[in-house]
Amino acid sequence: MKVAVLCEFSGIVRDAFIALGHDAISCDLLPTDKEGPHIQGDCLEQDWSGYDLIIAHPPCTHLAVSGARWFKDKRQEQIEALQFVQKLMDLPVEKICIENPISIISSKIRKPDQIIQPWMFGHGEVKATCLWLKNLDFLKATNVVLGRYPMVHKCPPGPNRWKIRSMTYSGIAEAMALQWGNTHFHSKTSTQTP
């Protein structure tokens, strides 16, 4: 399967698919943190038409409701961020997942198909993550663990805080690769077009 992971500099999701034998590449404006197939550049300027699956992590800076107190001062940035999300949803690829925290995507474009938590995939932490799905199964929990520590909210200030907060948990990445990379996996499927 050909997989493109957009707006990903960490290589976490890309490498989870590669580990299972898929042809995966990441694309971000930033260089990749881990050596591997990566395009540094604007993901909307690439041709993804030959890909089977896109998983996109659009920047949440102007979308996440955790920043609602600043919304009144960044209306234009929100409009542009929502337009970017819609363009990702409209890419000519059969299967698409858009991942973001609780955000205005839900009220301005459409509600997510699924909301997952790291503790459903082996990480004892809380970080509600919304998935907008096109022709993909809902992710099934793989390792429900105790512990509900809000690590993202407790992350100390610093120059890399935004990077730490934005990274996909490895358990979620592995579940995506295992479940969405396996064409024989069946569960409740979303057929909505994002």
N, C-alpha and C. Protein backbone atom coordinates (compact mmCIF):
# COMPACT_ATOMS: atom_id res chain seq x y z
N MET A 1 0.84 -1.18 0.00
CA MET A 1 0.00 0.00 0.00
C MET A 1 0.89 1.24 0.00
N LYS A 2 0.51 2.25 -0.77
CA LYS A 2 1.24 3.52 -0.79
C LYS A 2 0.56 4.49 0.16
N VAL A 3 1.33 4.96 1.13
CA VAL A 3 0.78 5.79 2.20
C VAL A 3 1.56 7.10 2.28
N ALA A 4 0.85 8.21 2.34
CA ALA A 4 1.47 9.52 2.55
C ALA A 4 0.97 10.07 3.88
N VAL A 5 1.92 10.46 4.73
CA VAL A 5 1.59 11.03 6.04
C VAL A 5 1.94 12.51 5.96
N LEU A 6 0.91 13.34 5.90
CA LEU A 6 1.11 14.76 5.65
C LEU A 6 1.14 15.55 6.94
N CYS A 7 1.93 16.62 6.93
CA CYS A 7 2.12 17.47 8.10
C CYS A 7 2.70 16.65 9.25
N GLU A 8 3.66 15.80 8.92
CA GLU A 8 4.34 14.98 9.93
C GLU A 8 5.85 15.14 9.77
N PHE A 9 6.49 15.68 10.79
CA PHE A 9 7.95 15.80 10.81
C PHE A 9 8.58 14.71 11.65
N SER A 10 7.79 14.08 12.54
CA SER A 10 8.34 13.10 13.49
C SER A 10 8.68 11.76 12.86
N GLY A 11 7.98 11.39 11.79
CA GLY A 11 8.19 10.09 11.16
C GLY A 11 7.53 8.94 11.90
N ILE A 12 6.79 9.21 12.95
CA ILE A 12 6.21 8.15 13.78
C ILE A 12 5.18 7.32 13.02
N VAL A 13 4.22 7.98 12.38
CA VAL A 13 3.19 7.25 11.63
C VAL A 13 3.80 6.63 10.38
N ARG A 14 4.62 7.40 9.67
CA ARG A 14 5.30 6.89 8.47
C ARG A 14 6.04 5.59 8.78
N ASP A 15 6.84 5.61 9.85
CA ASP A 15 7.66 4.45 10.19
C ASP A 15 6.84 3.25 10.65
N ALA A 16 5.66 3.49 11.24
CA ALA A 16 4.79 2.38 11.64
C ALA A 16 4.31 1.62 10.41
N PHE A 17 4.00 2.34 9.33
CA PHE A 17 3.58 1.68 8.08
C PHE A 17 4.77 1.00 7.41
N ILE A 18 5.92 1.64 7.40
CA ILE A 18 7.12 1.04 6.80
C ILE A 18 7.47 -0.26 7.51
N ALA A 19 7.33 -0.29 8.84
CA ALA A 19 7.65 -1.48 9.62
C ALA A 19 6.80 -2.68 9.21
N LEU A 20 5.63 -2.42 8.64
CA LEU A 20 4.75 -3.51 8.19
C LEU A 20 4.86 -3.75 6.69
N GLY A 21 5.87 -3.15 6.05
CA GLY A 21 6.14 -3.42 4.65
C GLY A 21 5.46 -2.51 3.65
N HIS A 22 4.84 -1.45 4.12
CA HIS A 22 4.17 -0.52 3.20
C HIS A 22 5.15 0.51 2.65
N ASP A 23 4.80 1.07 1.52
CA ASP A 23 5.57 2.13 0.88
C ASP A 23 5.02 3.45 1.43
N ALA A 24 5.68 3.99 2.47
CA ALA A 24 5.17 5.18 3.15
C ALA A 24 6.18 6.31 3.10
N ILE A 25 5.64 7.53 3.04
CA ILE A 25 6.46 8.73 3.00
C ILE A 25 5.78 9.80 3.86
N SER A 26 6.58 10.65 4.49
CA SER A 26 6.02 11.78 5.23
C SER A 26 6.31 13.05 4.44
N CYS A 27 5.53 14.09 4.73
CA CYS A 27 5.71 15.38 4.07
C CYS A 27 5.38 16.48 5.07
N ASP A 28 6.27 17.45 5.18
CA ASP A 28 6.06 18.56 6.10
C ASP A 28 6.91 19.74 5.65
N LEU A 29 6.56 20.92 6.10
CA LEU A 29 7.40 22.09 5.83
C LEU A 29 8.74 21.97 6.55
N LEU A 30 8.75 21.21 7.65
CA LEU A 30 9.96 20.99 8.43
C LEU A 30 10.70 19.75 7.94
N PRO A 31 12.00 19.66 8.20
CA PRO A 31 12.71 18.41 7.91
C PRO A 31 12.23 17.33 8.88
N THR A 32 12.44 16.08 8.51
CA THR A 32 12.03 14.98 9.37
C THR A 32 12.97 14.85 10.57
N ASP A 33 12.39 14.47 11.71
CA ASP A 33 13.19 14.23 12.92
C ASP A 33 13.92 12.89 12.85
N LYS A 34 13.36 11.95 12.07
CA LYS A 34 13.94 10.62 11.94
C LYS A 34 14.27 10.38 10.48
N GLU A 35 15.41 9.79 10.23
CA GLU A 35 15.78 9.49 8.85
C GLU A 35 14.76 8.55 8.24
N GLY A 36 14.38 8.83 7.02
CA GLY A 36 13.41 8.01 6.32
C GLY A 36 12.83 8.79 5.15
N PRO A 37 11.97 8.16 4.34
CA PRO A 37 11.39 8.82 3.18
C PRO A 37 10.59 10.06 3.62
N HIS A 38 10.99 11.23 3.13
CA HIS A 38 10.37 12.47 3.57
C HIS A 38 10.50 13.53 2.49
N ILE A 39 9.43 14.26 2.28
CA ILE A 39 9.46 15.42 1.39
C ILE A 39 9.35 16.65 2.27
N GLN A 40 10.33 17.52 2.21
CA GLN A 40 10.23 18.78 2.93
C GLN A 40 9.65 19.81 1.96
N GLY A 41 8.43 20.23 2.25
CA GLY A 41 7.76 21.17 1.37
C GLY A 41 6.28 21.22 1.66
N ASP A 42 5.57 21.99 0.86
CA ASP A 42 4.13 22.16 1.00
C ASP A 42 3.43 20.90 0.48
N CYS A 43 2.68 20.24 1.34
CA CYS A 43 2.03 18.97 0.94
C CYS A 43 0.97 19.18 -0.14
N LEU A 44 0.42 20.37 -0.25
CA LEU A 44 -0.58 20.62 -1.28
C LEU A 44 0.03 20.85 -2.64
N GLU A 45 1.34 20.99 -2.71
CA GLU A 45 2.03 21.16 -4.00
C GLU A 45 2.54 19.83 -4.55
N GLN A 46 2.27 18.73 -3.86
CA GLN A 46 2.70 17.40 -4.28
C GLN A 46 1.55 16.69 -4.99
N ASP A 47 1.89 15.70 -5.80
CA ASP A 47 0.88 14.89 -6.47
C ASP A 47 0.68 13.60 -5.69
N TRP A 48 -0.43 13.48 -5.00
CA TRP A 48 -0.72 12.29 -4.18
C TRP A 48 -1.69 11.34 -4.89
N SER A 49 -1.98 11.58 -6.16
CA SER A 49 -3.00 10.79 -6.85
C SER A 49 -2.68 9.31 -6.96
N GLY A 50 -1.42 8.90 -6.86
CA GLY A 50 -1.08 7.49 -6.93
C GLY A 50 -1.08 6.79 -5.59
N TYR A 51 -1.51 7.47 -4.54
CA TYR A 51 -1.46 6.91 -3.19
C TYR A 51 -2.79 6.28 -2.81
N ASP A 52 -2.72 5.25 -1.95
CA ASP A 52 -3.91 4.54 -1.49
C ASP A 52 -4.51 5.17 -0.24
N LEU A 53 -3.64 5.76 0.58
CA LEU A 53 -4.07 6.28 1.89
C LEU A 53 -3.29 7.54 2.23
N ILE A 54 -4.01 8.53 2.73
CA ILE A 54 -3.38 9.73 3.27
C ILE A 54 -3.82 9.88 4.71
N ILE A 55 -2.86 10.11 5.58
CA ILE A 55 -3.13 10.46 6.97
C ILE A 55 -2.53 11.85 7.16
N ALA A 56 -3.37 12.80 7.51
CA ALA A 56 -2.91 14.19 7.60
C ALA A 56 -3.11 14.73 9.01
N HIS A 57 -2.10 15.45 9.47
CA HIS A 57 -2.11 16.07 10.80
C HIS A 57 -1.98 17.59 10.64
N PRO A 58 -3.03 18.26 10.14
CA PRO A 58 -2.89 19.70 9.91
C PRO A 58 -2.58 20.44 11.21
N PRO A 59 -1.78 21.49 11.14
CA PRO A 59 -1.45 22.25 12.34
C PRO A 59 -2.72 22.72 13.05
N CYS A 60 -2.74 22.58 14.38
CA CYS A 60 -3.95 22.90 15.14
C CYS A 60 -3.88 24.27 15.81
N THR A 61 -2.81 25.02 15.58
CA THR A 61 -2.60 26.30 16.26
C THR A 61 -3.82 27.21 16.19
N HIS A 62 -4.46 27.31 15.05
CA HIS A 62 -5.59 28.22 14.89
C HIS A 62 -6.94 27.48 14.88
N LEU A 63 -6.91 26.18 15.21
CA LEU A 63 -8.12 25.37 15.14
C LEU A 63 -8.55 24.81 16.49
N ALA A 64 -7.61 24.43 17.34
CA ALA A 64 -7.92 23.73 18.59
C ALA A 64 -8.71 24.61 19.55
N VAL A 65 -9.75 24.06 20.15
CA VAL A 65 -10.56 24.83 21.08
C VAL A 65 -9.80 25.16 22.36
N SER A 66 -8.69 24.49 22.60
CA SER A 66 -7.86 24.84 23.76
C SER A 66 -7.34 26.27 23.66
N GLY A 67 -7.33 26.84 22.46
CA GLY A 67 -6.89 28.21 22.27
C GLY A 67 -8.04 29.18 22.02
N ALA A 68 -9.24 28.80 22.45
CA ALA A 68 -10.44 29.59 22.16
C ALA A 68 -10.34 31.04 22.65
N ARG A 69 -9.62 31.28 23.72
CA ARG A 69 -9.54 32.66 24.25
C ARG A 69 -8.87 33.61 23.27
N TRP A 70 -8.13 33.08 22.28
CA TRP A 70 -7.47 33.93 21.28
C TRP A 70 -8.20 33.97 19.94
N PHE A 71 -9.31 33.25 19.83
CA PHE A 71 -10.01 33.16 18.55
C PHE A 71 -10.38 34.53 17.97
N LYS A 72 -10.83 35.44 18.81
CA LYS A 72 -11.30 36.74 18.32
C LYS A 72 -10.20 37.52 17.61
N ASP A 73 -8.94 37.21 17.94
CA ASP A 73 -7.82 37.94 17.36
C ASP A 73 -7.21 37.26 16.14
N LYS A 74 -7.72 36.10 15.76
CA LYS A 74 -7.12 35.40 14.63
C LYS A 74 -8.16 34.80 13.68
N ARG A 75 -9.13 35.60 13.33
CA ARG A 75 -10.18 35.12 12.44
C ARG A 75 -9.64 34.76 11.05
N GLN A 76 -8.78 35.58 10.49
CA GLN A 76 -8.23 35.30 9.16
C GLN A 76 -7.38 34.03 9.18
N GLU A 77 -6.58 33.84 10.25
CA GLU A 77 -5.77 32.64 10.38
C GLU A 77 -6.65 31.39 10.46
N GLN A 78 -7.80 31.51 11.15
CA GLN A 78 -8.73 30.38 11.24
C GLN A 78 -9.33 30.05 9.88
N ILE A 79 -9.71 31.08 9.14
CA ILE A 79 -10.27 30.86 7.80
C ILE A 79 -9.26 30.11 6.94
N GLU A 80 -8.00 30.56 6.96
CA GLU A 80 -6.96 29.91 6.16
C GLU A 80 -6.70 28.49 6.64
N ALA A 81 -6.70 28.27 7.95
CA ALA A 81 -6.47 26.92 8.49
C ALA A 81 -7.60 25.98 8.08
N LEU A 82 -8.83 26.46 8.12
CA LEU A 82 -9.98 25.63 7.71
C LEU A 82 -9.94 25.35 6.22
N GLN A 83 -9.54 26.31 5.43
CA GLN A 83 -9.41 26.08 3.98
C GLN A 83 -8.36 25.01 3.70
N PHE A 84 -7.26 25.04 4.46
CA PHE A 84 -6.21 24.03 4.32
C PHE A 84 -6.75 22.64 4.65
N VAL A 85 -7.49 22.54 5.75
CA VAL A 85 -8.09 21.25 6.14
C VAL A 85 -9.02 20.75 5.04
N GLN A 86 -9.86 21.62 4.50
CA GLN A 86 -10.80 21.21 3.45
C GLN A 86 -10.05 20.72 2.22
N LYS A 87 -8.95 21.38 1.87
CA LYS A 87 -8.16 20.94 0.71
C LYS A 87 -7.56 19.55 0.97
N LEU A 88 -7.13 19.29 2.20
CA LEU A 88 -6.63 17.96 2.54
C LEU A 88 -7.73 16.92 2.40
N MET A 89 -8.92 17.26 2.88
CA MET A 89 -10.06 16.34 2.80
C MET A 89 -10.46 16.06 1.35
N ASP A 90 -10.21 17.02 0.47
CA ASP A 90 -10.62 16.90 -0.93
C ASP A 90 -9.56 16.29 -1.85
N LEU A 91 -8.43 15.88 -1.30
CA LEU A 91 -7.38 15.28 -2.14
C LEU A 91 -7.93 14.05 -2.86
N PRO A 92 -7.49 13.80 -4.09
CA PRO A 92 -8.03 12.69 -4.89
C PRO A 92 -7.43 11.34 -4.50
N VAL A 93 -7.68 10.93 -3.27
CA VAL A 93 -7.16 9.67 -2.75
C VAL A 93 -8.34 8.90 -2.14
N GLU A 94 -8.36 7.59 -2.32
CA GLU A 94 -9.51 6.79 -1.89
C GLU A 94 -9.73 6.81 -0.39
N LYS A 95 -8.65 6.71 0.39
CA LYS A 95 -8.77 6.65 1.85
C LYS A 95 -8.02 7.81 2.47
N ILE A 96 -8.72 8.52 3.36
CA ILE A 96 -8.12 9.69 4.00
C ILE A 96 -8.51 9.71 5.48
N CYS A 97 -7.53 10.06 6.31
CA CYS A 97 -7.77 10.35 7.72
C CYS A 97 -7.20 11.73 8.01
N ILE A 98 -8.02 12.59 8.57
CA ILE A 98 -7.56 13.88 9.07
C ILE A 98 -7.58 13.77 10.59
N GLU A 99 -6.46 14.09 11.23
CA GLU A 99 -6.32 13.97 12.68
C GLU A 99 -6.11 15.36 13.27
N ASN A 100 -6.83 15.66 14.34
CA ASN A 100 -6.69 16.94 15.03
C ASN A 100 -7.29 16.82 16.42
N PRO A 101 -6.88 17.67 17.35
CA PRO A 101 -7.54 17.67 18.65
C PRO A 101 -8.96 18.22 18.52
N ILE A 102 -9.68 18.30 19.63
CA ILE A 102 -11.00 18.92 19.61
C ILE A 102 -10.83 20.32 19.03
N SER A 103 -11.56 20.61 17.95
CA SER A 103 -11.29 21.85 17.23
C SER A 103 -12.53 22.37 16.54
N ILE A 104 -12.36 23.54 15.92
CA ILE A 104 -13.48 24.15 15.20
C ILE A 104 -13.77 23.47 13.87
N ILE A 105 -12.95 22.49 13.50
CA ILE A 105 -13.29 21.69 12.30
C ILE A 105 -14.68 21.08 12.49
N SER A 106 -14.97 20.67 13.73
CA SER A 106 -16.25 20.03 14.05
C SER A 106 -17.45 20.92 13.77
N SER A 107 -17.31 22.20 14.04
CA SER A 107 -18.44 23.12 13.85
C SER A 107 -18.42 23.83 12.50
N LYS A 108 -17.25 23.96 11.89
CA LYS A 108 -17.14 24.72 10.64
C LYS A 108 -17.14 23.83 9.39
N ILE A 109 -16.71 22.58 9.52
CA ILE A 109 -16.71 21.67 8.36
C ILE A 109 -17.66 20.50 8.63
N ARG A 110 -17.33 19.65 9.59
CA ARG A 110 -18.24 18.60 10.03
C ARG A 110 -17.69 17.92 11.28
N LYS A 111 -18.54 17.21 11.98
CA LYS A 111 -18.14 16.53 13.20
C LYS A 111 -17.20 15.37 12.84
N PRO A 112 -16.30 15.01 13.76
CA PRO A 112 -15.39 13.88 13.48
C PRO A 112 -16.16 12.57 13.47
N ASP A 113 -15.60 11.59 12.79
CA ASP A 113 -16.19 10.25 12.79
C ASP A 113 -15.88 9.51 14.07
N GLN A 114 -14.73 9.80 14.67
CA GLN A 114 -14.30 9.06 15.84
C GLN A 114 -13.41 9.96 16.70
N ILE A 115 -13.49 9.76 18.02
CA ILE A 115 -12.58 10.42 18.95
C ILE A 115 -11.87 9.32 19.72
N ILE A 116 -10.55 9.36 19.69
CA ILE A 116 -9.74 8.33 20.38
C ILE A 116 -8.90 8.99 21.47
N GLN A 117 -8.35 8.15 22.34
CA GLN A 117 -7.48 8.59 23.43
C GLN A 117 -6.23 7.71 23.44
N PRO A 118 -5.08 8.26 23.86
CA PRO A 118 -3.85 7.45 23.94
C PRO A 118 -4.01 6.22 24.84
N TRP A 119 -4.81 6.33 25.92
CA TRP A 119 -4.94 5.20 26.84
C TRP A 119 -5.65 4.00 26.21
N MET A 120 -6.25 4.19 25.04
CA MET A 120 -6.86 3.07 24.31
C MET A 120 -5.81 2.27 23.54
N PHE A 121 -4.58 2.82 23.46
CA PHE A 121 -3.52 2.23 22.62
C PHE A 121 -2.21 2.08 23.38
N GLY A 122 -2.31 1.86 24.71
CA GLY A 122 -1.12 1.53 25.49
C GLY A 122 -0.42 2.67 26.18
N HIS A 123 -0.97 3.89 26.12
CA HIS A 123 -0.34 5.04 26.76
C HIS A 123 -1.27 5.57 27.85
N GLY A 124 -0.82 5.64 29.07
CA GLY A 124 -1.67 6.05 30.18
C GLY A 124 -1.88 7.54 30.27
N GLU A 125 -2.31 8.13 29.20
CA GLU A 125 -2.47 9.58 29.14
C GLU A 125 -3.78 9.96 28.46
N VAL A 126 -4.17 11.21 28.69
CA VAL A 126 -5.37 11.77 28.08
C VAL A 126 -4.95 12.77 27.00
N LYS A 127 -5.51 12.61 25.83
CA LYS A 127 -5.35 13.58 24.74
C LYS A 127 -6.40 13.24 23.69
N ALA A 128 -7.58 13.85 23.86
CA ALA A 128 -8.67 13.56 22.93
C ALA A 128 -8.23 13.91 21.51
N THR A 129 -8.32 12.93 20.63
CA THR A 129 -7.87 13.10 19.25
C THR A 129 -9.02 12.74 18.32
N CYS A 130 -9.41 13.70 17.49
CA CYS A 130 -10.51 13.50 16.56
C CYS A 130 -9.99 12.96 15.23
N LEU A 131 -10.77 12.07 14.63
CA LEU A 131 -10.44 11.53 13.32
C LEU A 131 -11.61 11.77 12.37
N TRP A 132 -11.32 12.41 11.25
CA TRP A 132 -12.28 12.58 10.17
C TRP A 132 -11.87 11.56 9.11
N LEU A 133 -12.74 10.61 8.82
CA LEU A 133 -12.37 9.46 8.01
C LEU A 133 -13.12 9.42 6.68
N LYS A 134 -12.42 8.98 5.67
CA LYS A 134 -13.02 8.71 4.36
C LYS A 134 -12.63 7.29 3.98
N ASN A 135 -13.64 6.41 3.88
CA ASN A 135 -13.44 5.01 3.48
C ASN A 135 -12.45 4.26 4.37
N LEU A 136 -12.47 4.54 5.66
CA LEU A 136 -11.60 3.87 6.61
C LEU A 136 -12.41 3.33 7.78
N ASP A 137 -11.98 2.21 8.31
CA ASP A 137 -12.59 1.64 9.50
C ASP A 137 -12.29 2.51 10.72
N PHE A 138 -13.18 2.49 11.68
CA PHE A 138 -12.87 3.12 12.95
C PHE A 138 -11.71 2.36 13.57
N LEU A 139 -10.81 3.07 14.23
CA LEU A 139 -9.72 2.39 14.92
C LEU A 139 -10.26 1.66 16.13
N LYS A 140 -9.87 0.40 16.28
CA LYS A 140 -10.24 -0.37 17.47
C LYS A 140 -9.12 -0.23 18.49
N ALA A 141 -9.51 -0.10 19.75
CA ALA A 141 -8.53 -0.03 20.83
C ALA A 141 -7.67 -1.29 20.81
N THR A 142 -6.38 -1.13 21.04
CA THR A 142 -5.46 -2.28 21.00
C THR A 142 -4.92 -2.66 22.37
N ASN A 143 -4.88 -1.70 23.30
CA ASN A 143 -4.30 -1.97 24.61
C ASN A 143 -4.80 -0.91 25.59
N VAL A 144 -5.98 -1.12 26.13
CA VAL A 144 -6.55 -0.17 27.09
C VAL A 144 -5.79 -0.27 28.39
N VAL A 145 -5.26 0.85 28.85
CA VAL A 145 -4.45 0.86 30.08
C VAL A 145 -5.05 1.83 31.09
N LEU A 146 -4.70 1.60 32.35
CA LEU A 146 -5.09 2.52 33.40
C LEU A 146 -4.20 3.74 33.33
N GLY A 147 -4.63 4.78 33.98
CA GLY A 147 -3.84 6.01 33.97
C GLY A 147 -4.48 6.99 33.03
N ARG A 148 -4.72 8.14 33.54
CA ARG A 148 -5.37 9.17 32.73
C ARG A 148 -4.65 10.50 32.97
N TYR A 149 -3.33 10.48 32.82
CA TYR A 149 -2.53 11.67 33.08
C TYR A 149 -2.59 12.62 31.90
N PRO A 150 -2.94 13.88 32.13
CA PRO A 150 -3.03 14.85 31.03
C PRO A 150 -1.65 15.42 30.66
N MET A 151 -0.77 14.58 30.13
CA MET A 151 0.60 15.00 29.85
C MET A 151 0.67 16.21 28.91
N VAL A 152 -0.17 16.25 27.92
CA VAL A 152 -0.12 17.34 26.96
C VAL A 152 -0.36 18.68 27.66
N HIS A 153 -1.32 18.70 28.59
CA HIS A 153 -1.63 19.94 29.30
C HIS A 153 -0.57 20.28 30.34
N LYS A 154 0.12 19.27 30.84
CA LYS A 154 1.13 19.47 31.87
C LYS A 154 2.53 19.65 31.28
N CYS A 155 2.64 19.63 29.99
CA CYS A 155 3.94 19.76 29.32
C CYS A 155 4.56 21.11 29.70
N PRO A 156 5.80 21.11 30.22
CA PRO A 156 6.41 22.37 30.66
C PRO A 156 6.70 23.31 29.50
N PRO A 157 6.71 24.61 29.79
CA PRO A 157 7.03 25.59 28.75
C PRO A 157 8.44 25.36 28.20
N GLY A 158 8.65 25.75 26.98
CA GLY A 158 9.96 25.61 26.36
C GLY A 158 9.85 25.71 24.86
N PRO A 159 10.98 25.82 24.18
CA PRO A 159 10.96 26.01 22.73
C PRO A 159 10.41 24.81 21.96
N ASN A 160 10.45 23.61 22.54
CA ASN A 160 9.96 22.42 21.84
C ASN A 160 8.60 21.94 22.33
N ARG A 161 7.95 22.74 23.15
CA ARG A 161 6.66 22.33 23.72
C ARG A 161 5.65 22.01 22.62
N TRP A 162 5.58 22.83 21.61
CA TRP A 162 4.63 22.60 20.52
C TRP A 162 4.92 21.31 19.79
N LYS A 163 6.20 20.96 19.65
CA LYS A 163 6.56 19.71 18.97
C LYS A 163 6.13 18.50 19.79
N ILE A 164 6.39 18.55 21.09
CA ILE A 164 6.04 17.44 21.97
C ILE A 164 4.52 17.25 21.98
N ARG A 165 3.80 18.35 22.06
CA ARG A 165 2.33 18.28 22.11
C ARG A 165 1.72 17.79 20.80
N SER A 166 2.40 17.98 19.69
CA SER A 166 1.81 17.63 18.39
C SER A 166 2.10 16.21 17.93
N MET A 167 3.03 15.53 18.56
CA MET A 167 3.43 14.20 18.06
C MET A 167 2.37 13.14 18.31
N THR A 168 2.24 12.24 17.36
CA THR A 168 1.32 11.10 17.46
C THR A 168 1.94 10.05 18.37
N TYR A 169 1.14 9.48 19.24
CA TYR A 169 1.61 8.41 20.11
C TYR A 169 1.91 7.17 19.27
N SER A 170 2.98 6.47 19.61
CA SER A 170 3.41 5.31 18.83
C SER A 170 2.33 4.22 18.80
N GLY A 171 1.60 4.03 19.89
CA GLY A 171 0.53 3.02 19.92
C GLY A 171 -0.58 3.32 18.94
N ILE A 172 -0.90 4.60 18.77
CA ILE A 172 -1.92 5.01 17.80
C ILE A 172 -1.39 4.80 16.39
N ALA A 173 -0.14 5.17 16.16
CA ALA A 173 0.47 4.98 14.84
C ALA A 173 0.49 3.51 14.46
N GLU A 174 0.86 2.66 15.41
CA GLU A 174 0.90 1.22 15.13
C GLU A 174 -0.49 0.66 14.84
N ALA A 175 -1.50 1.16 15.54
CA ALA A 175 -2.87 0.71 15.28
C ALA A 175 -3.32 1.15 13.89
N MET A 176 -2.98 2.37 13.49
CA MET A 176 -3.32 2.84 12.15
C MET A 176 -2.68 1.93 11.09
N ALA A 177 -1.40 1.63 11.28
CA ALA A 177 -0.69 0.80 10.30
C ALA A 177 -1.26 -0.61 10.25
N LEU A 178 -1.50 -1.19 11.40
CA LEU A 178 -2.00 -2.56 11.45
C LEU A 178 -3.42 -2.66 10.91
N GLN A 179 -4.28 -1.74 11.33
CA GLN A 179 -5.69 -1.85 10.98
C GLN A 179 -6.00 -1.26 9.60
N TRP A 180 -5.42 -0.14 9.26
CA TRP A 180 -5.72 0.47 7.96
C TRP A 180 -4.83 -0.07 6.86
N GLY A 181 -3.70 -0.65 7.22
CA GLY A 181 -2.81 -1.23 6.23
C GLY A 181 -3.18 -2.66 5.88
N ASN A 182 -4.09 -3.24 6.66
CA ASN A 182 -4.52 -4.61 6.46
C ASN A 182 -5.88 -4.59 5.77
N THR A 183 -5.91 -4.93 4.50
CA THR A 183 -7.16 -4.86 3.74
C THR A 183 -8.18 -5.89 4.18
N HIS A 184 -7.77 -6.85 5.03
CA HIS A 184 -8.69 -7.88 5.49
C HIS A 184 -9.34 -7.52 6.81
N PHE A 185 -8.95 -6.37 7.40
CA PHE A 185 -9.51 -5.93 8.67
C PHE A 185 -10.87 -5.30 8.43
N HIS A 186 -11.89 -5.72 9.18
CA HIS A 186 -13.22 -5.16 9.00
C HIS A 186 -13.82 -4.78 10.34
N SER A 187 -14.38 -3.61 10.42
CA SER A 187 -15.17 -3.15 11.55
C SER A 187 -16.14 -2.12 11.01
N LYS A 188 -16.71 -1.32 11.88
CA LYS A 188 -17.63 -0.26 11.41
C LYS A 188 -16.84 0.71 10.53
N THR A 189 -17.31 0.95 9.36
CA THR A 189 -16.60 1.78 8.40
C THR A 189 -17.32 3.10 8.17
N SER A 190 -16.54 4.15 8.08
CA SER A 190 -17.08 5.44 7.69
C SER A 190 -16.97 5.57 6.18
N THR A 191 -18.06 5.87 5.55
CA THR A 191 -18.01 6.08 4.09
C THR A 191 -18.26 7.53 3.74
N GLN A 192 -18.33 8.37 4.77
CA GLN A 192 -18.52 9.79 4.50
C GLN A 192 -17.30 10.33 3.79
N THR A 193 -17.54 11.26 2.93
CA THR A 193 -16.44 11.99 2.32
C THR A 193 -16.16 13.18 3.23
N PRO A 194 -14.91 13.28 3.76
CA PRO A 194 -14.63 14.39 4.66
C PRO A 194 -14.92 15.71 3.98
